Amino acid sequence: MRGYAEEVAGELGQELKKRLSVAGVRVMEARLTHLAYATEITSAMFQRQQNTAIVAARQKIVEGAVGMAQMAIAQL
């Protein structure tokens, strides 16, 4: 949504105009001043990022172990 703030603001303005016109309110402009993820979403995104980093680190460890084993075999 952050990359499309203008489009979101436009849609928001249109929706507000539709809903508030019934009450006689005229919407002149609608803008987003702050956009943030909900705490639950942020937590889930962070957890996923951590899991990806853990998998990558384990893969590097395995690659290193395989490399050492191959060098040992080559020296035998």
PDB file of N, CA and C in Angstrom:
ATOM      1  N   MET A   1       0.812  -1.188   0.000  1.00  0.00           N
ATOM      2  CA  MET A   1       0.000   0.000   0.000  1.00  0.00           C
ATOM      3  C   MET A   1       0.858   1.255   0.000  1.00  0.00           C
ATOM      4  N   ARG A   2       2.031   1.165   0.562  1.00  0.00           N
ATOM      5  CA  ARG A   2       2.864   2.354   0.654  1.00  0.00           C
ATOM      6  C   ARG A   2       3.264   2.866  -0.720  1.00  0.00           C
ATOM      7  N   GLY A   3       3.443   1.964  -1.661  1.00  0.00           N
ATOM      8  CA  GLY A   3       3.823   2.361  -3.005  1.00  0.00           C
ATOM      9  C   GLY A   3       2.676   2.961  -3.797  1.00  0.00           C
ATOM     10  N   TYR A   4       1.470   2.789  -3.322  1.00  0.00           N
ATOM     11  CA  TYR A   4       0.287   3.262  -4.040  1.00  0.00           C
ATOM     12  C   TYR A   4      -0.552   4.192  -3.176  1.00  0.00           C
ATOM     13  N   ALA A   5       0.104   5.048  -2.420  1.00  0.00           N
ATOM     14  CA  ALA A   5      -0.600   5.930  -1.484  1.00  0.00           C
ATOM     15  C   ALA A   5      -1.588   6.846  -2.196  1.00  0.00           C
ATOM     16  N   GLU A   6      -1.219   7.359  -3.354  1.00  0.00           N
ATOM     17  CA  GLU A   6      -2.121   8.253  -4.086  1.00  0.00           C
ATOM     18  C   GLU A   6      -3.384   7.522  -4.538  1.00  0.00           C
ATOM     19  N   GLU A   7      -3.212   6.299  -5.042  1.00  0.00           N
ATOM     20  CA  GLU A   7      -4.364   5.524  -5.490  1.00  0.00           C
ATOM     21  C   GLU A   7      -5.274   5.175  -4.311  1.00  0.00           C
ATOM     22  N   VAL A   8      -4.663   4.802  -3.192  1.00  0.00           N
ATOM     23  CA  VAL A   8      -5.442   4.457  -2.001  1.00  0.00           C
ATOM     24  C   VAL A   8      -6.199   5.688  -1.510  1.00  0.00           C
ATOM     25  N   ALA A   9      -5.513   6.837  -1.489  1.00  0.00           N
ATOM     26  CA  ALA A   9      -6.164   8.080  -1.051  1.00  0.00           C
ATOM     27  C   ALA A   9      -7.322   8.439  -1.985  1.00  0.00           C
ATOM     28  N   GLY A  10      -7.149   8.218  -3.281  1.00  0.00           N
ATOM     29  CA  GLY A  10      -8.220   8.489  -4.237  1.00  0.00           C
ATOM     30  C   GLY A  10      -9.432   7.612  -3.987  1.00  0.00           C
ATOM     31  N   GLU A  11      -9.187   6.322  -3.790  1.00  0.00           N
ATOM     32  CA  GLU A  11     -10.279   5.395  -3.502  1.00  0.00           C
ATOM     33  C   GLU A  11     -10.957   5.743  -2.179  1.00  0.00           C
ATOM     34  N   LEU A  12     -10.150   6.095  -1.186  1.00  0.00           N
ATOM     35  CA  LEU A  12     -10.690   6.485   0.110  1.00  0.00           C
ATOM     36  C   LEU A  12     -11.586   7.712  -0.034  1.00  0.00           C
ATOM     37  N   GLY A  13     -11.118   8.690  -0.790  1.00  0.00           N
ATOM     38  CA  GLY A  13     -11.911   9.903  -1.017  1.00  0.00           C
ATOM     39  C   GLY A  13     -13.238   9.600  -1.690  1.00  0.00           C
ATOM     40  N   GLN A  14     -13.221   8.739  -2.693  1.00  0.00           N
ATOM     41  CA  GLN A  14     -14.452   8.383  -3.403  1.00  0.00           C
ATOM     42  C   GLN A  14     -15.430   7.674  -2.467  1.00  0.00           C
ATOM     43  N   GLU A  15     -14.904   6.753  -1.674  1.00  0.00           N
ATOM     44  CA  GLU A  15     -15.769   6.014  -0.748  1.00  0.00           C
ATOM     45  C   GLU A  15     -16.356   6.944   0.314  1.00  0.00           C
ATOM     46  N   LEU A  16     -15.531   7.856   0.829  1.00  0.00           N
ATOM     47  CA  LEU A  16     -16.029   8.816   1.815  1.00  0.00           C
ATOM     48  C   LEU A  16     -17.102   9.721   1.215  1.00  0.00           C
ATOM     49  N   LYS A  17     -16.883  10.178  -0.008  1.00  0.00           N
ATOM     50  CA  LYS A  17     -17.883  11.027  -0.682  1.00  0.00           C
ATOM     51  C   LYS A  17     -19.218  10.303  -0.794  1.00  0.00           C
ATOM     52  N   LYS A  18     -19.150   9.042  -1.208  1.00  0.00           N
ATOM     53  CA  LYS A  18     -20.367   8.252  -1.367  1.00  0.00           C
ATOM     54  C   LYS A  18     -21.127   8.118  -0.054  1.00  0.00           C
ATOM     55  N   ARG A  19     -20.401   7.759   0.984  1.00  0.00           N
ATOM     56  CA  ARG A  19     -21.056   7.474   2.267  1.00  0.00           C
ATOM     57  C   ARG A  19     -21.513   8.732   2.998  1.00  0.00           C
ATOM     58  N   LEU A  20     -20.746   9.800   2.887  1.00  0.00           N
ATOM     59  CA  LEU A  20     -21.069  11.000   3.653  1.00  0.00           C
ATOM     60  C   LEU A  20     -22.031  11.941   2.935  1.00  0.00           C
ATOM     61  N   SER A  21     -22.195  11.757   1.640  1.00  0.00           N
ATOM     62  CA  SER A  21     -23.118  12.628   0.900  1.00  0.00           C
ATOM     63  C   SER A  21     -24.547  12.470   1.410  1.00  0.00           C
ATOM     64  N   VAL A  22     -24.880  11.303   1.933  1.00  0.00           N
ATOM     65  CA  VAL A  22     -26.203  11.047   2.494  1.00  0.00           C
ATOM     66  C   VAL A  22     -26.488  12.003   3.657  1.00  0.00           C
ATOM     67  N   ALA A  23     -25.443  12.325   4.423  1.00  0.00           N
ATOM     68  CA  ALA A  23     -25.599  13.207   5.575  1.00  0.00           C
ATOM     69  C   ALA A  23     -25.396  14.678   5.199  1.00  0.00           C
ATOM     70  N   GLY A  24     -25.153  14.953   3.920  1.00  0.00           N
ATOM     71  CA  GLY A  24     -24.953  16.330   3.485  1.00  0.00           C
ATOM     72  C   GLY A  24     -23.527  16.829   3.660  1.00  0.00           C
ATOM     73  N   VAL A  25     -22.615  15.932   3.932  1.00  0.00           N
ATOM     74  CA  VAL A  25     -21.209  16.306   4.103  1.00  0.00           C
ATOM     75  C   VAL A  25     -20.519  16.257   2.749  1.00  0.00           C
ATOM     76  N   ARG A  26     -19.755  17.287   2.465  1.00  0.00           N
ATOM     77  CA  ARG A  26     -19.021  17.349   1.204  1.00  0.00           C
ATOM     78  C   ARG A  26     -17.542  17.102   1.475  1.00  0.00           C
ATOM     79  N   VAL A  27     -16.987  16.064   0.879  1.00  0.00           N
ATOM     80  CA  VAL A  27     -15.578  15.725   1.055  1.00  0.00           C
ATOM     81  C   VAL A  27     -14.779  16.452  -0.018  1.00  0.00           C
ATOM     82  N   MET A  28     -13.860  17.291   0.422  1.00  0.00           N
ATOM     83  CA  MET A  28     -13.040  18.068  -0.504  1.00  0.00           C
ATOM     84  C   MET A  28     -11.758  17.316  -0.882  1.00  0.00           C
ATOM     85  N   GLU A  29     -11.212  16.612   0.098  1.00  0.00           N
ATOM     86  CA  GLU A  29      -9.932  15.938  -0.134  1.00  0.00           C
ATOM     87  C   GLU A  29      -9.739  14.856   0.929  1.00  0.00           C
ATOM     88  N   ALA A  30      -9.049  13.800   0.549  1.00  0.00           N
ATOM     89  CA  ALA A  30      -8.719  12.740   1.504  1.00  0.00           C
ATOM     90  C   ALA A  30      -7.252  12.375   1.296  1.00  0.00           C
ATOM     91  N   ARG A  31      -6.518  12.341   2.389  1.00  0.00           N
ATOM     92  CA  ARG A  31      -5.088  12.003   2.320  1.00  0.00           C
ATOM     93  C   ARG A  31      -4.728  11.021   3.421  1.00  0.00           C
ATOM     94  N   LEU A  32      -3.678  10.281   3.171  1.00  0.00           N
ATOM     95  CA  LEU A  32      -3.118   9.407   4.197  1.00  0.00           C
ATOM     96  C   LEU A  32      -1.894  10.110   4.765  1.00  0.00           C
ATOM     97  N   THR A  33      -1.889  10.328   6.066  1.00  0.00           N
ATOM     98  CA  THR A  33      -0.734  10.976   6.680  1.00  0.00           C
ATOM     99  C   THR A  33       0.183   9.973   7.349  1.00  0.00           C
ATOM    100  N   HIS A  34      -0.364   8.822   7.714  1.00  0.00           N
ATOM    101  CA  HIS A  34       0.460   7.799   8.349  1.00  0.00           C
ATOM    102  C   HIS A  34      -0.105   6.440   7.975  1.00  0.00           C
ATOM    103  N   LEU A  35       0.772   5.572   7.546  1.00  0.00           N
ATOM    104  CA  LEU A  35       0.359   4.228   7.168  1.00  0.00           C
ATOM    105  C   LEU A  35       1.286   3.243   7.861  1.00  0.00           C
ATOM    106  N   ALA A  36       0.732   2.374   8.672  1.00  0.00           N
ATOM    107  CA  ALA A  36       1.544   1.410   9.408  1.00  0.00           C
ATOM    108  C   ALA A  36       0.824   0.068   9.445  1.00  0.00           C
ATOM    109  N   TYR A  37       1.601  -0.971   9.581  1.00  0.00           N
ATOM    110  CA  TYR A  37       1.040  -2.297   9.700  1.00  0.00           C
ATOM    111  C   TYR A  37       0.515  -2.518  11.113  1.00  0.00           C
ATOM    112  N   ALA A  38      -0.469  -3.359  11.244  1.00  0.00           N
ATOM    113  CA  ALA A  38      -0.971  -3.746  12.566  1.00  0.00           C
ATOM    114  C   ALA A  38       0.126  -4.536  13.284  1.00  0.00           C
ATOM    115  N   THR A  39       0.100  -4.510  14.587  1.00  0.00           N
ATOM    116  CA  THR A  39       1.115  -5.181  15.390  1.00  0.00           C
ATOM    117  C   THR A  39       1.221  -6.660  15.040  1.00  0.00           C
ATOM    118  N   GLU A  40       0.069  -7.297  14.820  1.00  0.00           N
ATOM    119  CA  GLU A  40       0.069  -8.731  14.506  1.00  0.00           C
ATOM    120  C   GLU A  40       0.773  -8.999  13.183  1.00  0.00           C
ATOM    121  N   ILE A  41       0.551  -8.133  12.207  1.00  0.00           N
ATOM    122  CA  ILE A  41       1.169  -8.313  10.894  1.00  0.00           C
ATOM    123  C   ILE A  41       2.672  -8.070  10.983  1.00  0.00           C
ATOM    124  N   THR A  42       3.062  -7.023  11.703  1.00  0.00           N
ATOM    125  CA  THR A  42       4.480  -6.731  11.880  1.00  0.00           C
ATOM    126  C   THR A  42       5.187  -7.897  12.555  1.00  0.00           C
ATOM    127  N   SER A  43       4.554  -8.447  13.574  1.00  0.00           N
ATOM    128  CA  SER A  43       5.140  -9.578  14.295  1.00  0.00           C
ATOM    129  C   SER A  43       5.306 -10.784  13.376  1.00  0.00           C
ATOM    130  N   ALA A  44       4.287 -11.064  12.579  1.00  0.00           N
ATOM    131  CA  ALA A  44       4.354 -12.206  11.657  1.00  0.00           C
ATOM    132  C   ALA A  44       5.423 -11.993  10.592  1.00  0.00           C
ATOM    133  N   MET A  45       5.532 -10.767  10.092  1.00  0.00           N
ATOM    134  CA  MET A  45       6.547 -10.469   9.079  1.00  0.00           C
ATOM    135  C   MET A  45       7.951 -10.622   9.668  1.00  0.00           C
ATOM    136  N   PHE A  46       8.144 -10.155  10.897  1.00  0.00           N
ATOM    137  CA  PHE A  46       9.435 -10.267  11.557  1.00  0.00           C
ATOM    138  C   PHE A  46       9.783 -11.726  11.807  1.00  0.00           C
ATOM    139  N   GLN A  47       8.806 -12.509  12.233  1.00  0.00           N
ATOM    140  CA  GLN A  47       9.025 -13.937  12.482  1.00  0.00           C
ATOM    141  C   GLN A  47       9.440 -14.642  11.198  1.00  0.00           C
ATOM    142  N   ARG A  48       8.792 -14.297  10.108  1.00  0.00           N
ATOM    143  CA  ARG A  48       9.128 -14.908   8.817  1.00  0.00           C
ATOM    144  C   ARG A  48      10.543 -14.529   8.399  1.00  0.00           C
ATOM    145  N   GLN A  49      10.912 -13.268   8.615  1.00  0.00           N
ATOM    146  CA  GLN A  49      12.250 -12.809   8.280  1.00  0.00           C
ATOM    147  C   GLN A  49      13.293 -13.560   9.115  1.00  0.00           C
ATOM    148  N   GLN A  50      13.019 -13.742  10.393  1.00  0.00           N
ATOM    149  CA  GLN A  50      13.930 -14.490  11.261  1.00  0.00           C
ATOM    150  C   GLN A  50      14.070 -15.929  10.797  1.00  0.00           C
ATOM    151  N   ASN A  51      12.951 -16.552  10.455  1.00  0.00           N
ATOM    152  CA  ASN A  51      12.991 -17.942   9.993  1.00  0.00           C
ATOM    153  C   ASN A  51      13.805 -18.073   8.717  1.00  0.00           C
ATOM    154  N   THR A  52      13.658 -17.129   7.811  1.00  0.00           N
ATOM    155  CA  THR A  52      14.431 -17.149   6.574  1.00  0.00           C
ATOM    156  C   THR A  52      15.915 -17.028   6.867  1.00  0.00           C
ATOM    157  N   ALA A  53      16.283 -16.157   7.799  1.00  0.00           N
ATOM    158  CA  ALA A  53      17.687 -15.981   8.168  1.00  0.00           C
ATOM    159  C   ALA A  53      18.246 -17.243   8.817  1.00  0.00           C
ATOM    160  N   ILE A  54      17.449 -17.903   9.650  1.00  0.00           N
ATOM    161  CA  ILE A  54      17.903 -19.134  10.305  1.00  0.00           C
ATOM    162  C   ILE A  54      18.149 -20.224   9.271  1.00  0.00           C
ATOM    163  N   VAL A  55      17.239 -20.372   8.328  1.00  0.00           N
ATOM    164  CA  VAL A  55      17.399 -21.390   7.277  1.00  0.00           C
ATOM    165  C   VAL A  55      18.644 -21.100   6.450  1.00  0.00           C
ATOM    166  N   ALA A  56      18.863 -19.832   6.100  1.00  0.00           N
ATOM    167  CA  ALA A  56      20.043 -19.457   5.311  1.00  0.00           C
ATOM    168  C   ALA A  56      21.327 -19.750   6.087  1.00  0.00           C
ATOM    169  N   ALA A  57      21.331 -19.455   7.382  1.00  0.00           N
ATOM    170  CA  ALA A  57      22.522 -19.723   8.199  1.00  0.00           C
ATOM    171  C   ALA A  57      22.799 -21.221   8.290  1.00  0.00           C
ATOM    172  N   ARG A  58      21.763 -21.999   8.465  1.00  0.00           N
ATOM    173  CA  ARG A  58      21.946 -23.458   8.544  1.00  0.00           C
ATOM    174  C   ARG A  58      22.456 -24.010   7.216  1.00  0.00           C
ATOM    175  N   GLN A  59      21.971 -23.441   6.129  1.00  0.00           N
ATOM    176  CA  GLN A  59      22.426 -23.891   4.811  1.00  0.00           C
ATOM    177  C   GLN A  59      23.917 -23.610   4.648  1.00  0.00           C
ATOM    178  N   LYS A  60      24.372 -22.451   5.102  1.00  0.00           N
ATOM    179  CA  LYS A  60      25.800 -22.113   5.028  1.00  0.00           C
ATOM    180  C   LYS A  60      26.624 -23.082   5.874  1.00  0.00           C
ATOM    181  N   ILE A  61      26.119 -23.431   7.046  1.00  0.00           N
ATOM    182  CA  ILE A  61      26.829 -24.371   7.915  1.00  0.00           C
ATOM    183  C   ILE A  61      26.970 -25.726   7.228  1.00  0.00           C
ATOM    184  N   VAL A  62      25.884 -26.198   6.614  1.00  0.00           N
ATOM    185  CA  VAL A  62      25.918 -27.485   5.917  1.00  0.00           C
ATOM    186  C   VAL A  62      26.877 -27.427   4.736  1.00  0.00           C
ATOM    187  N   GLU A  63      26.847 -26.324   3.984  1.00  0.00           N
ATOM    188  CA  GLU A  63      27.768 -26.175   2.846  1.00  0.00           C
ATOM    189  C   GLU A  63      29.219 -26.219   3.318  1.00  0.00           C
ATOM    190  N   GLY A  64      29.496 -25.569   4.445  1.00  0.00           N
ATOM    191  CA  GLY A  64      30.854 -25.588   4.990  1.00  0.00           C
ATOM    192  C   GLY A  64      31.270 -26.979   5.415  1.00  0.00           C
ATOM    193  N   ALA A  65      30.369 -27.704   6.062  1.00  0.00           N
ATOM    194  CA  ALA A  65      30.678 -29.064   6.500  1.00  0.00           C
ATOM    195  C   ALA A  65      30.911 -29.986   5.303  1.00  0.00           C
ATOM    196  N   VAL A  66      30.087 -29.842   4.284  1.00  0.00           N
ATOM    197  CA  VAL A  66      30.256 -30.663   3.076  1.00  0.00           C
ATOM    198  C   VAL A  66      31.590 -30.329   2.408  1.00  0.00           C
ATOM    199  N   GLY A  67      31.922 -29.057   2.363  1.00  0.00           N
ATOM    200  CA  GLY A  67      33.196 -28.644   1.766  1.00  0.00           C
ATOM    201  C   GLY A  67      34.383 -29.231   2.518  1.00  0.00           C
ATOM    202  N   MET A  68      34.329 -29.220   3.848  1.00  0.00           N
ATOM    203  CA  MET A  68      35.416 -29.796   4.643  1.00  0.00           C
ATOM    204  C   MET A  68      35.517 -31.306   4.411  1.00  0.00           C
ATOM    205  N   ALA A  69      34.364 -31.960   4.340  1.00  0.00           N
ATOM    206  CA  ALA A  69      34.361 -33.408   4.108  1.00  0.00           C
ATOM    207  C   ALA A  69      34.945 -33.726   2.740  1.00  0.00           C
ATOM    208  N   GLN A  70      34.600 -32.934   1.740  1.00  0.00           N
ATOM    209  CA  GLN A  70      35.138 -33.160   0.393  1.00  0.00           C
ATOM    210  C   GLN A  70      36.641 -32.940   0.362  1.00  0.00           C
ATOM    211  N   MET A  71      37.129 -31.948   1.068  1.00  0.00           N
ATOM    212  CA  MET A  71      38.581 -31.695   1.122  1.00  0.00           C
ATOM    213  C   MET A  71      39.294 -32.851   1.824  1.00  0.00           C
ATOM    214  N   ALA A  72      38.684 -33.361   2.889  1.00  0.00           N
ATOM    215  CA  ALA A  72      39.295 -34.487   3.613  1.00  0.00           C
ATOM    216  C   ALA A  72      39.361 -35.720   2.723  1.00  0.00           C
ATOM    217  N   ILE A  73      38.285 -35.972   1.990  1.00  0.00           N
ATOM    218  CA  ILE A  73      38.265 -37.122   1.082  1.00  0.00           C
ATOM    219  C   ILE A  73      39.303 -36.965  -0.012  1.00  0.00           C
ATOM    220  N   ALA A  74      39.439 -35.758  -0.538  1.00  0.00           N
ATOM    221  CA  ALA A  74      40.398 -35.488  -1.600  1.00  0.00           C
ATOM    222  C   ALA A  74      41.832 -35.709  -1.091  1.00  0.00           C
ATOM    223  N   GLN A  75      42.098 -35.396   0.151  1.00  0.00           N
ATOM    224  CA  GLN A  75      43.435 -35.565   0.694  1.00  0.00           C
ATOM    225  C   GLN A  75      43.759 -37.020   1.001  1.00  0.00           C
ATOM    226  N   LEU A  76      42.729 -37.832   1.195  1.00  0.00           N
ATOM    227  CA  LEU A  76      42.971 -39.254   1.450  1.00  0.00           C
ATOM    228  C   LEU A  76      43.363 -39.923   0.170  1.00  0.00           C
TER     229      LEU A  76
END
